[in-house]
Amino acid sequence: MTHNQRIGEFGETLAKNYLIKYGYKIVDVNVKLSYQELDIVALKNKQIVFVEVKTRISQFYGPAENAFQFTKLEKFRRGMEMYIGNKNLYAEEVRADLITVDIDHLKKIAKIKHYKDVV
């Protein structure tokens, strides 16, 4: 596992714990769909929530939300559609969220932001 993969995995673990704390049930993680991977699929109030997680350990390239660009958004949307089709879900039951994790090694803290309905 590469350094970036370990960072991503750590960020996804923090995001899962955050979601569980706020009443989400984790349904699936790291779902591979052809060219796309869905980080987290969760359930809250009978709604399926797809969650993309972006983690940064440095502000050199800006905050983690800067990593979620238009091309990634389109792939995320297509991945959701594939998942919905494979599981025979209804579109009105679905939401797409982004969780960003910015880690400060010096202060030993992680700042988590949850953006709802990003697609």
PDB file of N, CA and C in Angstrom:
ATOM      1  N   MET A   1       0.846  -1.176   0.000  1.00  0.00           N
ATOM      2  CA  MET A   1       0.000   0.000   0.000  1.00  0.00           C
ATOM      3  C   MET A   1       0.896   1.245   0.000  1.00  0.00           C
ATOM      4  N   THR A   2       0.579   2.189  -0.878  1.00  0.00           N
ATOM      5  CA  THR A   2       1.380   3.403  -0.969  1.00  0.00           C
ATOM      6  C   THR A   2       1.027   4.365   0.171  1.00  0.00           C
ATOM      7  N   HIS A   3       1.867   5.370   0.329  1.00  0.00           N
ATOM      8  CA  HIS A   3       1.656   6.395   1.345  1.00  0.00           C
ATOM      9  C   HIS A   3       0.299   7.082   1.137  1.00  0.00           C
ATOM     10  N   ASN A   4      -0.001   7.461  -0.117  1.00  0.00           N
ATOM     11  CA  ASN A   4      -1.279   8.121  -0.405  1.00  0.00           C
ATOM     12  C   ASN A   4      -2.468   7.213  -0.143  1.00  0.00           C
ATOM     13  N   GLN A   5      -2.324   5.919  -0.422  1.00  0.00           N
ATOM     14  CA  GLN A   5      -3.409   4.975  -0.147  1.00  0.00           C
ATOM     15  C   GLN A   5      -3.659   4.858   1.355  1.00  0.00           C
ATOM     16  N   ARG A   6      -2.575   4.854   2.143  1.00  0.00           N
ATOM     17  CA  ARG A   6      -2.735   4.792   3.607  1.00  0.00           C
ATOM     18  C   ARG A   6      -3.437   6.050   4.129  1.00  0.00           C
ATOM     19  N   ILE A   7      -3.075   7.195   3.577  1.00  0.00           N
ATOM     20  CA  ILE A   7      -3.724   8.450   3.978  1.00  0.00           C
ATOM     21  C   ILE A   7      -5.207   8.403   3.620  1.00  0.00           C
ATOM     22  N   GLY A   8      -5.510   7.954   2.392  1.00  0.00           N
ATOM     23  CA  GLY A   8      -6.903   7.844   1.959  1.00  0.00           C
ATOM     24  C   GLY A   8      -7.697   6.889   2.819  1.00  0.00           C
ATOM     25  N   GLU A   9      -7.099   5.761   3.158  1.00  0.00           N
ATOM     26  CA  GLU A   9      -7.769   4.777   4.008  1.00  0.00           C
ATOM     27  C   GLU A   9      -8.039   5.352   5.398  1.00  0.00           C
ATOM     28  N   PHE A  10      -7.060   6.099   5.942  1.00  0.00           N
ATOM     29  CA  PHE A  10      -7.230   6.726   7.246  1.00  0.00           C
ATOM     30  C   PHE A  10      -8.373   7.741   7.203  1.00  0.00           C
ATOM     31  N   GLY A  11      -8.407   8.553   6.139  1.00  0.00           N
ATOM     32  CA  GLY A  11      -9.490   9.536   5.983  1.00  0.00           C
ATOM     33  C   GLY A  11     -10.851   8.877   5.871  1.00  0.00           C
ATOM     34  N   GLU A  12     -10.912   7.753   5.143  1.00  0.00           N
ATOM     35  CA  GLU A  12     -12.182   7.030   5.009  1.00  0.00           C
ATOM     36  C   GLU A  12     -12.626   6.447   6.342  1.00  0.00           C
ATOM     37  N   THR A  13     -11.689   5.985   7.148  1.00  0.00           N
ATOM     38  CA  THR A  13     -12.026   5.473   8.477  1.00  0.00           C
ATOM     39  C   THR A  13     -12.597   6.588   9.353  1.00  0.00           C
ATOM     40  N   LEU A  14     -11.958   7.767   9.311  1.00  0.00           N
ATOM     41  CA  LEU A  14     -12.486   8.906  10.071  1.00  0.00           C
ATOM     42  C   LEU A  14     -13.878   9.292   9.579  1.00  0.00           C
ATOM     43  N   ALA A  15     -14.078   9.266   8.263  1.00  0.00           N
ATOM     44  CA  ALA A  15     -15.384   9.613   7.689  1.00  0.00           C
ATOM     45  C   ALA A  15     -16.451   8.603   8.106  1.00  0.00           C
ATOM     46  N   LYS A  16     -16.116   7.314   8.079  1.00  0.00           N
ATOM     47  CA  LYS A  16     -17.076   6.287   8.512  1.00  0.00           C
ATOM     48  C   LYS A  16     -17.467   6.502   9.971  1.00  0.00           C
ATOM     49  N   ASN A  17     -16.478   6.743  10.825  1.00  0.00           N
ATOM     50  CA  ASN A  17     -16.765   6.980  12.244  1.00  0.00           C
ATOM     51  C   ASN A  17     -17.644   8.218  12.433  1.00  0.00           C
ATOM     52  N   TYR A  18     -17.375   9.258  11.670  1.00  0.00           N
ATOM     53  CA  TYR A  18     -18.182  10.478  11.707  1.00  0.00           C
ATOM     54  C   TYR A  18     -19.632  10.171  11.325  1.00  0.00           C
ATOM     55  N   LEU A  19     -19.811   9.438  10.223  1.00  0.00           N
ATOM     56  CA  LEU A  19     -21.166   9.099   9.766  1.00  0.00           C
ATOM     57  C   LEU A  19     -21.910   8.263  10.806  1.00  0.00           C
ATOM     58  N   ILE A  20     -21.247   7.280  11.369  1.00  0.00           N
ATOM     59  CA  ILE A  20     -21.867   6.427  12.394  1.00  0.00           C
ATOM     60  C   ILE A  20     -22.287   7.277  13.598  1.00  0.00           C
ATOM     61  N   LYS A  21     -21.416   8.200  13.991  1.00  0.00           N
ATOM     62  CA  LYS A  21     -21.717   9.091  15.120  1.00  0.00           C
ATOM     63  C   LYS A  21     -22.996   9.887  14.879  1.00  0.00           C
ATOM     64  N   TYR A  22     -23.254  10.238  13.609  1.00  0.00           N
ATOM     65  CA  TYR A  22     -24.431  11.039  13.279  1.00  0.00           C
ATOM     66  C   TYR A  22     -25.594  10.206  12.744  1.00  0.00           C
ATOM     67  N   GLY A  23     -25.601   8.914  13.071  1.00  0.00           N
ATOM     68  CA  GLY A  23     -26.775   8.093  12.824  1.00  0.00           C
ATOM     69  C   GLY A  23     -26.853   7.392  11.483  1.00  0.00           C
ATOM     70  N   TYR A  24     -25.778   7.400  10.720  1.00  0.00           N
ATOM     71  CA  TYR A  24     -25.764   6.695   9.438  1.00  0.00           C
ATOM     72  C   TYR A  24     -25.372   5.239   9.673  1.00  0.00           C
ATOM     73  N   LYS A  25     -25.936   4.360   8.866  1.00  0.00           N
ATOM     74  CA  LYS A  25     -25.542   2.958   8.885  1.00  0.00           C
ATOM     75  C   LYS A  25     -24.691   2.719   7.632  1.00  0.00           C
ATOM     76  N   ILE A  26     -23.492   2.199   7.819  1.00  0.00           N
ATOM     77  CA  ILE A  26     -22.602   1.927   6.686  1.00  0.00           C
ATOM     78  C   ILE A  26     -23.080   0.656   5.993  1.00  0.00           C
ATOM     79  N   VAL A  27     -23.377   0.761   4.695  1.00  0.00           N
ATOM     80  CA  VAL A  27     -23.903  -0.354   3.912  1.00  0.00           C
ATOM     81  C   VAL A  27     -22.791  -1.010   3.088  1.00  0.00           C
ATOM     82  N   ASP A  28     -21.911  -0.201   2.521  1.00  0.00           N
ATOM     83  CA  ASP A  28     -20.870  -0.689   1.626  1.00  0.00           C
ATOM     84  C   ASP A  28     -19.684   0.268   1.680  1.00  0.00           C
ATOM     85  N   VAL A  29     -18.493  -0.254   1.456  1.00  0.00           N
ATOM     86  CA  VAL A  29     -17.299   0.587   1.366  1.00  0.00           C
ATOM     87  C   VAL A  29     -16.428   0.121   0.205  1.00  0.00           C
ATOM     88  N   ASN A  30     -15.750   1.088  -0.400  1.00  0.00           N
ATOM     89  CA  ASN A  30     -14.814   0.825  -1.494  1.00  0.00           C
ATOM     90  C   ASN A  30     -15.405  -0.084  -2.569  1.00  0.00           C
ATOM     91  N   VAL A  31     -16.570   0.299  -3.071  1.00  0.00           N
ATOM     92  CA  VAL A  31     -17.266  -0.464  -4.106  1.00  0.00           C
ATOM     93  C   VAL A  31     -16.629  -0.143  -5.451  1.00  0.00           C
ATOM     94  N   LYS A  32     -16.106  -1.155  -6.117  1.00  0.00           N
ATOM     95  CA  LYS A  32     -15.480  -0.963  -7.415  1.00  0.00           C
ATOM     96  C   LYS A  32     -16.491  -1.243  -8.515  1.00  0.00           C
ATOM     97  N   LEU A  33     -16.699  -0.247  -9.365  1.00  0.00           N
ATOM     98  CA  LEU A  33     -17.651  -0.342 -10.477  1.00  0.00           C
ATOM     99  C   LEU A  33     -16.913   0.068 -11.745  1.00  0.00           C
ATOM    100  N   SER A  34     -16.323  -0.886 -12.423  1.00  0.00           N
ATOM    101  CA  SER A  34     -15.600  -0.631 -13.665  1.00  0.00           C
ATOM    102  C   SER A  34     -14.498   0.396 -13.418  1.00  0.00           C
ATOM    103  N   TYR A  35     -14.670   1.596 -13.885  1.00  0.00           N
ATOM    104  CA  TYR A  35     -13.665   2.663 -13.811  1.00  0.00           C
ATOM    105  C   TYR A  35     -13.788   3.494 -12.539  1.00  0.00           C
ATOM    106  N   GLN A  36     -14.779   3.261 -11.733  1.00  0.00           N
ATOM    107  CA  GLN A  36     -15.091   4.121 -10.597  1.00  0.00           C
ATOM    108  C   GLN A  36     -15.132   3.334  -9.301  1.00  0.00           C
ATOM    109  N   GLU A  37     -14.723   3.982  -8.225  1.00  0.00           N
ATOM    110  CA  GLU A  37     -14.858   3.393  -6.893  1.00  0.00           C
ATOM    111  C   GLU A  37     -15.703   4.335  -6.048  1.00  0.00           C
ATOM    112  N   LEU A  38     -16.686   3.778  -5.379  1.00  0.00           N
ATOM    113  CA  LEU A  38     -17.488   4.542  -4.424  1.00  0.00           C
ATOM    114  C   LEU A  38     -16.893   4.300  -3.050  1.00  0.00           C
ATOM    115  N   ASP A  39     -16.524   5.370  -2.355  1.00  0.00           N
ATOM    116  CA  ASP A  39     -15.853   5.228  -1.065  1.00  0.00           C
ATOM    117  C   ASP A  39     -16.763   4.634   0.003  1.00  0.00           C
ATOM    118  N   ILE A  40     -17.916   5.259   0.198  1.00  0.00           N
ATOM    119  CA  ILE A  40     -18.842   4.811   1.249  1.00  0.00           C
ATOM    120  C   ILE A  40     -20.276   4.879   0.722  1.00  0.00           C
ATOM    121  N   VAL A  41     -21.039   3.839   0.996  1.00  0.00           N
ATOM    122  CA  VAL A  41     -22.476   3.854   0.754  1.00  0.00           C
ATOM    123  C   VAL A  41     -23.110   3.666   2.130  1.00  0.00           C
ATOM    124  N   ALA A  42     -23.955   4.614   2.503  1.00  0.00           N
ATOM    125  CA  ALA A  42     -24.564   4.591   3.835  1.00  0.00           C
ATOM    126  C   ALA A  42     -26.075   4.714   3.715  1.00  0.00           C
ATOM    127  N   LEU A  43     -26.747   4.477   4.825  1.00  0.00           N
ATOM    128  CA  LEU A  43     -28.195   4.578   4.896  1.00  0.00           C
ATOM    129  C   LEU A  43     -28.558   5.466   6.080  1.00  0.00           C
ATOM    130  N   LYS A  44     -29.442   6.438   5.803  1.00  0.00           N
ATOM    131  CA  LYS A  44     -29.972   7.267   6.891  1.00  0.00           C
ATOM    132  C   LYS A  44     -31.401   7.648   6.550  1.00  0.00           C
ATOM    133  N   ASN A  45     -32.309   7.378   7.475  1.00  0.00           N
ATOM    134  CA  ASN A  45     -33.727   7.691   7.295  1.00  0.00           C
ATOM    135  C   ASN A  45     -34.263   7.137   5.971  1.00  0.00           C
ATOM    136  N   LYS A  46     -33.947   5.892   5.690  1.00  0.00           N
ATOM    137  CA  LYS A  46     -34.396   5.177   4.489  1.00  0.00           C
ATOM    138  C   LYS A  46     -33.856   5.778   3.192  1.00  0.00           C
ATOM    139  N   GLN A  47     -32.827   6.609   3.287  1.00  0.00           N
ATOM    140  CA  GLN A  47     -32.222   7.212   2.119  1.00  0.00           C
ATOM    141  C   GLN A  47     -30.808   6.661   1.951  1.00  0.00           C
ATOM    142  N   ILE A  48     -30.491   6.236   0.720  1.00  0.00           N
ATOM    143  CA  ILE A  48     -29.135   5.786   0.422  1.00  0.00           C
ATOM    144  C   ILE A  48     -28.275   7.016   0.190  1.00  0.00           C
ATOM    145  N   VAL A  49     -27.138   7.081   0.875  1.00  0.00           N
ATOM    146  CA  VAL A  49     -26.229   8.221   0.759  1.00  0.00           C
ATOM    147  C   VAL A  49     -24.882   7.718   0.254  1.00  0.00           C
ATOM    148  N   PHE A  50     -24.489   8.207  -0.921  1.00  0.00           N
ATOM    149  CA  PHE A  50     -23.177   7.896  -1.477  1.00  0.00           C
ATOM    150  C   PHE A  50     -22.226   8.973  -0.985  1.00  0.00           C
ATOM    151  N   VAL A  51     -21.076   8.554  -0.462  1.00  0.00           N
ATOM    152  CA  VAL A  51     -20.146   9.515   0.113  1.00  0.00           C
ATOM    153  C   VAL A  51     -18.775   9.364  -0.537  1.00  0.00           C
ATOM    154  N   GLU A  52     -18.304  10.455  -1.118  1.00  0.00           N
ATOM    155  CA  GLU A  52     -16.939  10.542  -1.625  1.00  0.00           C
ATOM    156  C   GLU A  52     -16.109  11.168  -0.520  1.00  0.00           C
ATOM    157  N   VAL A  53     -14.943  10.601  -0.248  1.00  0.00           N
ATOM    158  CA  VAL A  53     -14.080  11.105   0.820  1.00  0.00           C
ATOM    159  C   VAL A  53     -12.784  11.620   0.193  1.00  0.00           C
ATOM    160  N   LYS A  54     -12.413  12.839   0.550  1.00  0.00           N
ATOM    161  CA  LYS A  54     -11.155  13.429   0.105  1.00  0.00           C
ATOM    162  C   LYS A  54     -10.348  13.803   1.338  1.00  0.00           C
ATOM    163  N   THR A  55      -9.099  13.338   1.363  1.00  0.00           N
ATOM    164  CA  THR A  55      -8.242  13.562   2.527  1.00  0.00           C
ATOM    165  C   THR A  55      -6.968  14.279   2.093  1.00  0.00           C
ATOM    166  N   ARG A  56      -6.562  15.256   2.882  1.00  0.00           N
ATOM    167  CA  ARG A  56      -5.312  15.976   2.636  1.00  0.00           C
ATOM    168  C   ARG A  56      -4.525  16.053   3.939  1.00  0.00           C
ATOM    169  N   ILE A  57      -3.208  15.892   3.821  1.00  0.00           N
ATOM    170  CA  ILE A  57      -2.340  16.057   4.996  1.00  0.00           C
ATOM    171  C   ILE A  57      -1.512  17.330   4.894  1.00  0.00           C
ATOM    172  N   SER A  58      -1.668  18.043   3.787  1.00  0.00           N
ATOM    173  CA  SER A  58      -0.921  19.279   3.576  1.00  0.00           C
ATOM    174  C   SER A  58      -1.828  20.291   2.902  1.00  0.00           C
ATOM    175  N   GLN A  59      -1.629  21.545   3.194  1.00  0.00           N
ATOM    176  CA  GLN A  59      -2.387  22.611   2.546  1.00  0.00           C
ATOM    177  C   GLN A  59      -1.648  23.152   1.321  1.00  0.00           C
ATOM    178  N   PHE A  60      -0.563  22.490   0.921  1.00  0.00           N
ATOM    179  CA  PHE A  60       0.235  22.939  -0.224  1.00  0.00           C
ATOM    180  C   PHE A  60      -0.632  23.091  -1.467  1.00  0.00           C
ATOM    181  N   TYR A  61      -1.536  22.138  -1.703  1.00  0.00           N
ATOM    182  CA  TYR A  61      -2.435  22.198  -2.860  1.00  0.00           C
ATOM    183  C   TYR A  61      -3.825  22.706  -2.477  1.00  0.00           C
ATOM    184  N   GLY A  62      -3.952  23.258  -1.301  1.00  0.00           N
ATOM    185  CA  GLY A  62      -5.240  23.757  -0.843  1.00  0.00           C
ATOM    186  C   GLY A  62      -5.956  22.721   0.001  1.00  0.00           C
ATOM    187  N   PRO A  63      -7.156  23.060   0.460  1.00  0.00           N
ATOM    188  CA  PRO A  63      -7.928  22.132   1.300  1.00  0.00           C
ATOM    189  C   PRO A  63      -8.426  20.933   0.492  1.00  0.00           C
ATOM    190  N   ALA A  64      -8.877  19.917   1.192  1.00  0.00           N
ATOM    191  CA  ALA A  64      -9.285  18.655   0.565  1.00  0.00           C
ATOM    192  C   ALA A  64     -10.405  18.838  -0.447  1.00  0.00           C
ATOM    193  N   GLU A  65     -11.311  19.796  -0.226  1.00  0.00           N
ATOM    194  CA  GLU A  65     -12.412  19.964  -1.172  1.00  0.00           C
ATOM    195  C   GLU A  65     -11.927  20.382  -2.562  1.00  0.00           C
ATOM    196  N   ASN A  66     -10.718  20.936  -2.649  1.00  0.00           N
ATOM    197  CA  ASN A  66     -10.163  21.293  -3.953  1.00  0.00           C
ATOM    198  C   ASN A  66      -9.886  20.060  -4.815  1.00  0.00           C
ATOM    199  N   ALA A  67      -9.773  18.897  -4.204  1.00  0.00           N
ATOM    200  CA  ALA A  67      -9.502  17.662  -4.943  1.00  0.00           C
ATOM    201  C   ALA A  67     -10.748  17.108  -5.624  1.00  0.00           C
ATOM    202  N   PHE A  68     -11.902  17.664  -5.321  1.00  0.00           N
ATOM    203  CA  PHE A  68     -13.159  17.178  -5.902  1.00  0.00           C
ATOM    204  C   PHE A  68     -13.537  18.084  -7.061  1.00  0.00           C
ATOM    205  N   GLN A  69     -12.961  17.809  -8.208  1.00  0.00           N
ATOM    206  CA  GLN A  69     -13.153  18.644  -9.387  1.00  0.00           C
ATOM    207  C   GLN A  69     -14.294  18.112 -10.245  1.00  0.00           C
ATOM    208  N   PHE A  70     -14.634  18.873 -11.290  1.00  0.00           N
ATOM    209  CA  PHE A  70     -15.762  18.525 -12.153  1.00  0.00           C
ATOM    210  C   PHE A  70     -15.632  17.117 -12.736  1.00  0.00           C
ATOM    211  N   THR A  71     -14.443  16.742 -13.198  1.00  0.00           N
ATOM    212  CA  THR A  71     -14.275  15.409 -13.800  1.00  0.00           C
ATOM    213  C   THR A  71     -14.539  14.319 -12.765  1.00  0.00           C
ATOM    214  N   LYS A  72     -14.095  14.517 -11.540  1.00  0.00           N
ATOM    215  CA  LYS A  72     -14.349  13.552 -10.478  1.00  0.00           C
ATOM    216  C   LYS A  72     -15.836  13.512 -10.154  1.00  0.00           C
ATOM    217  N   LEU A  73     -16.485  14.654 -10.181  1.00  0.00           N
ATOM    218  CA  LEU A  73     -17.917  14.733  -9.919  1.00  0.00           C
ATOM    219  C   LEU A  73     -18.701  13.911 -10.940  1.00  0.00           C
ATOM    220  N   GLU A  74     -18.320  14.009 -12.204  1.00  0.00           N
ATOM    221  CA  GLU A  74     -19.000  13.243 -13.255  1.00  0.00           C
ATOM    222  C   GLU A  74     -18.792  11.739 -13.067  1.00  0.00           C
ATOM    223  N   LYS A  75     -17.580  11.321 -12.732  1.00  0.00           N
ATOM    224  CA  LYS A  75     -17.310   9.899 -12.485  1.00  0.00           C
ATOM    225  C   LYS A  75     -18.097   9.407 -11.275  1.00  0.00           C
ATOM    226  N   PHE A  76     -18.170  10.235 -10.251  1.00  0.00           N
ATOM    227  CA  PHE A  76     -18.917   9.903  -9.042  1.00  0.00           C
ATOM    228  C   PHE A  76     -20.398   9.702  -9.381  1.00  0.00           C
ATOM    229  N   ARG A  77     -20.950  10.612 -10.167  1.00  0.00           N
ATOM    230  CA  ARG A  77     -22.346  10.528 -10.571  1.00  0.00           C
ATOM    231  C   ARG A  77     -22.602   9.245 -11.375  1.00  0.00           C
ATOM    232  N   ARG A  78     -21.704   8.940 -12.308  1.00  0.00           N
ATOM    233  CA  ARG A  78     -21.868   7.723 -13.115  1.00  0.00           C
ATOM    234  C   ARG A  78     -21.745   6.468 -12.253  1.00  0.00           C
ATOM    235  N   GLY A  79     -20.831   6.481 -11.300  1.00  0.00           N
ATOM    236  CA  GLY A  79     -20.691   5.352 -10.380  1.00  0.00           C
ATOM    237  C   GLY A  79     -21.948   5.137  -9.561  1.00  0.00           C
ATOM    238  N   MET A  80     -22.550   6.235  -9.110  1.00  0.00           N
ATOM    239  CA  MET A  80     -23.816   6.140  -8.369  1.00  0.00           C
ATOM    240  C   MET A  80     -24.899   5.520  -9.243  1.00  0.00           C
ATOM    241  N   GLU A  81     -24.984   5.970 -10.483  1.00  0.00           N
ATOM    242  CA  GLU A  81     -25.995   5.440 -11.402  1.00  0.00           C
ATOM    243  C   GLU A  81     -25.800   3.943 -11.622  1.00  0.00           C
ATOM    244  N   MET A  82     -24.541   3.510 -11.755  1.00  0.00           N
ATOM    245  CA  MET A  82     -24.265   2.085 -11.928  1.00  0.00           C
ATOM    246  C   MET A  82     -24.698   1.301 -10.689  1.00  0.00           C
ATOM    247  N   TYR A  83     -24.395   1.812  -9.509  1.00  0.00           N
ATOM    248  CA  TYR A  83     -24.756   1.155  -8.259  1.00  0.00           C
ATOM    249  C   TYR A  83     -26.277   1.064  -8.142  1.00  0.00           C
ATOM    250  N   ILE A  84     -26.958   2.172  -8.440  1.00  0.00           N
ATOM    251  CA  ILE A  84     -28.421   2.207  -8.379  1.00  0.00           C
ATOM    252  C   ILE A  84     -29.014   1.175  -9.330  1.00  0.00           C
ATOM    253  N   GLY A  85     -28.473   1.113 -10.540  1.00  0.00           N
ATOM    254  CA  GLY A  85     -28.956   0.142 -11.515  1.00  0.00           C
ATOM    255  C   GLY A  85     -28.719  -1.291 -11.090  1.00  0.00           C
ATOM    256  N   ASN A  86     -27.538  -1.563 -10.544  1.00  0.00           N
ATOM    257  CA  ASN A  86     -27.209  -2.924 -10.090  1.00  0.00           C
ATOM    258  C   ASN A  86     -28.069  -3.366  -8.915  1.00  0.00           C
ATOM    259  N   LYS A  87     -28.457  -2.429  -8.061  1.00  0.00           N
ATOM    260  CA  LYS A  87     -29.236  -2.756  -6.853  1.00  0.00           C
ATOM    261  C   LYS A  87     -30.733  -2.482  -7.017  1.00  0.00           C
ATOM    262  N   ASN A  88     -31.145  -2.005  -8.191  1.00  0.00           N
ATOM    263  CA  ASN A  88     -32.555  -1.680  -8.469  1.00  0.00           C
ATOM    264  C   ASN A  88     -33.134  -0.696  -7.448  1.00  0.00           C
ATOM    265  N   LEU A  89     -32.421   0.387  -7.192  1.00  0.00           N
ATOM    266  CA  LEU A  89     -32.878   1.423  -6.262  1.00  0.00           C
ATOM    267  C   LEU A  89     -33.642   2.497  -7.011  1.00  0.00           C
ATOM    268  N   TYR A  90     -34.443   3.267  -6.294  1.00  0.00           N
ATOM    269  CA  TYR A  90     -35.166   4.389  -6.881  1.00  0.00           C
ATOM    270  C   TYR A  90     -34.375   5.667  -6.667  1.00  0.00           C
ATOM    271  N   ALA A  91     -34.319   6.524  -7.670  1.00  0.00           N
ATOM    272  CA  ALA A  91     -33.509   7.747  -7.626  1.00  0.00           C
ATOM    273  C   ALA A  91     -33.885   8.669  -6.472  1.00  0.00           C
ATOM    274  N   GLU A  92     -35.171   8.740  -6.097  1.00  0.00           N
ATOM    275  CA  GLU A  92     -35.563   9.646  -5.019  1.00  0.00           C
ATOM    276  C   GLU A  92     -35.091   9.166  -3.644  1.00  0.00           C
ATOM    277  N   GLU A  93     -34.563   7.971  -3.565  1.00  0.00           N
ATOM    278  CA  GLU A  93     -34.034   7.432  -2.315  1.00  0.00           C
ATOM    279  C   GLU A  93     -32.549   7.740  -2.141  1.00  0.00           C
ATOM    280  N   VAL A  94     -31.963   8.516  -3.053  1.00  0.00           N
ATOM    281  CA  VAL A  94     -30.510   8.635  -3.136  1.00  0.00           C
ATOM    282  C   VAL A  94     -30.036  10.066  -2.919  1.00  0.00           C
ATOM    283  N   ARG A  95     -28.877  10.183  -2.255  1.00  0.00           N
ATOM    284  CA  ARG A  95     -28.219  11.476  -2.080  1.00  0.00           C
ATOM    285  C   ARG A  95     -26.716  11.270  -2.248  1.00  0.00           C
ATOM    286  N   ALA A  96     -26.032  12.281  -2.744  1.00  0.00           N
ATOM    287  CA  ALA A  96     -24.581  12.227  -2.916  1.00  0.00           C
ATOM    288  C   ALA A  96     -23.933  13.267  -2.024  1.00  0.00           C
ATOM    289  N   ASP A  97     -22.996  12.835  -1.180  1.00  0.00           N
ATOM    290  CA  ASP A  97     -22.317  13.726  -0.243  1.00  0.00           C
ATOM    291  C   ASP A  97     -20.807  13.686  -0.455  1.00  0.00           C
ATOM    292  N   LEU A  98     -20.161  14.711   0.021  1.00  0.00           N
ATOM    293  CA  LEU A  98     -18.700  14.784   0.032  1.00  0.00           C
ATOM    294  C   LEU A  98     -18.265  15.025   1.468  1.00  0.00           C
ATOM    295  N   ILE A  99     -17.313  14.225   1.921  1.00  0.00           N
ATOM    296  CA  ILE A  99     -16.697  14.471   3.229  1.00  0.00           C
ATOM    297  C   ILE A  99     -15.229  14.756   2.980  1.00  0.00           C
ATOM    298  N   THR A 100     -14.772  15.896   3.496  1.00  0.00           N
ATOM    299  CA  THR A 100     -13.357  16.236   3.377  1.00  0.00           C
ATOM    300  C   THR A 100     -12.698  16.105   4.740  1.00  0.00           C
ATOM    301  N   VAL A 101     -11.464  15.630   4.700  1.00  0.00           N
ATOM    302  CA  VAL A 101     -10.685  15.444   5.919  1.00  0.00           C
ATOM    303  C   VAL A 101      -9.351  16.139   5.713  1.00  0.00           C
ATOM    304  N   ASP A 102      -9.115  17.199   6.468  1.00  0.00           N
ATOM    305  CA  ASP A 102      -7.839  17.904   6.431  1.00  0.00           C
ATOM    306  C   ASP A 102      -7.106  17.601   7.730  1.00  0.00           C
ATOM    307  N   ILE A 103      -5.963  16.932   7.591  1.00  0.00           N
ATOM    308  CA  ILE A 103      -5.210  16.464   8.755  1.00  0.00           C
ATOM    309  C   ILE A 103      -4.054  17.417   9.038  1.00  0.00           C
ATOM    310  N   ASP A 104      -3.940  17.844  10.286  1.00  0.00           N
ATOM    311  CA  ASP A 104      -2.832  18.680  10.746  1.00  0.00           C
ATOM    312  C   ASP A 104      -1.956  17.821  11.644  1.00  0.00           C
ATOM    313  N   HIS A 105      -0.803  17.391  11.118  1.00  0.00           N
ATOM    314  CA  HIS A 105       0.098  16.517  11.887  1.00  0.00           C
ATOM    315  C   HIS A 105       0.684  17.213  13.110  1.00  0.00           C
ATOM    316  N   LEU A 106       0.981  18.502  12.988  1.00  0.00           N
ATOM    317  CA  LEU A 106       1.586  19.214  14.113  1.00  0.00           C
ATOM    318  C   LEU A 106       0.645  19.294  15.312  1.00  0.00           C
ATOM    319  N   LYS A 107      -0.617  19.618  15.034  1.00  0.00           N
ATOM    320  CA  LYS A 107      -1.610  19.724  16.107  1.00  0.00           C
ATOM    321  C   LYS A 107      -2.269  18.390  16.426  1.00  0.00           C
ATOM    322  N   LYS A 108      -2.022  17.387  15.568  1.00  0.00           N
ATOM    323  CA  LYS A 108      -2.600  16.048  15.724  1.00  0.00           C
ATOM    324  C   LYS A 108      -4.127  16.097  15.770  1.00  0.00           C
ATOM    325  N   ILE A 109      -4.679  16.845  14.784  1.00  0.00           N
ATOM    326  CA  ILE A 109      -6.128  16.940  14.664  1.00  0.00           C
ATOM    327  C   ILE A 109      -6.536  16.728  13.207  1.00  0.00           C
ATOM    328  N   ALA A 110      -7.773  16.371  13.025  1.00  0.00           N
ATOM    329  CA  ALA A 110      -8.342  16.245  11.688  1.00  0.00           C
ATOM    330  C   ALA A 110      -9.616  17.079  11.644  1.00  0.00           C
ATOM    331  N   LYS A 111      -9.720  17.919  10.643  1.00  0.00           N
ATOM    332  CA  LYS A 111     -10.911  18.744  10.463  1.00  0.00           C
ATOM    333  C   LYS A 111     -11.784  18.076   9.408  1.00  0.00           C
ATOM    334  N   ILE A 112     -12.996  17.720   9.802  1.00  0.00           N
ATOM    335  CA  ILE A 112     -13.918  17.018   8.910  1.00  0.00           C
ATOM    336  C   ILE A 112     -15.048  17.966   8.522  1.00  0.00           C
ATOM    337  N   LYS A 113     -15.309  18.037   7.205  1.00  0.00           N
ATOM    338  CA  LYS A 113     -16.436  18.826   6.699  1.00  0.00           C
ATOM    339  C   LYS A 113     -17.340  17.891   5.905  1.00  0.00           C
ATOM    340  N   HIS A 114     -18.631  18.049   6.078  1.00  0.00           N
ATOM    341  CA  HIS A 114     -19.615  17.205   5.408  1.00  0.00           C
ATOM    342  C   HIS A 114     -20.487  18.078   4.513  1.00  0.00           C
ATOM    343  N   TYR A 115     -20.366  17.874   3.213  1.00  0.00           N
ATOM    344  CA  TYR A 115     -21.165  18.601   2.229  1.00  0.00           C
ATOM    345  C   TYR A 115     -22.247  17.655   1.714  1.00  0.00           C
ATOM    346  N   LYS A 116     -23.485  18.066   1.849  1.00  0.00           N
ATOM    347  CA  LYS A 116     -24.609  17.220   1.420  1.00  0.00           C
ATOM    348  C   LYS A 116     -25.112  17.648   0.057  1.00  0.00           C
ATOM    349  N   ASP A 117     -25.630  16.660  -0.696  1.00  0.00           N
ATOM    350  CA  ASP A 117     -26.216  16.899  -2.024  1.00  0.00           C
ATOM    351  C   ASP A 117     -25.258  17.615  -2.972  1.00  0.00           C
ATOM    352  N   VAL A 118     -24.113  17.019  -3.223  1.00  0.00           N
ATOM    353  CA  VAL A 118     -23.118  17.636  -4.108  1.00  0.00           C
ATOM    354  C   VAL A 118     -23.355  17.344  -5.576  1.00  0.00           C
ATOM    355  N   VAL A 119     -24.211  16.383  -5.888  1.00  0.00           N
ATOM    356  CA  VAL A 119     -24.485  16.062  -7.301  1.00  0.00           C
ATOM    357  C   VAL A 119     -25.901  16.482  -7.625  1.00  0.00           C
TER     358      VAL A 119
END
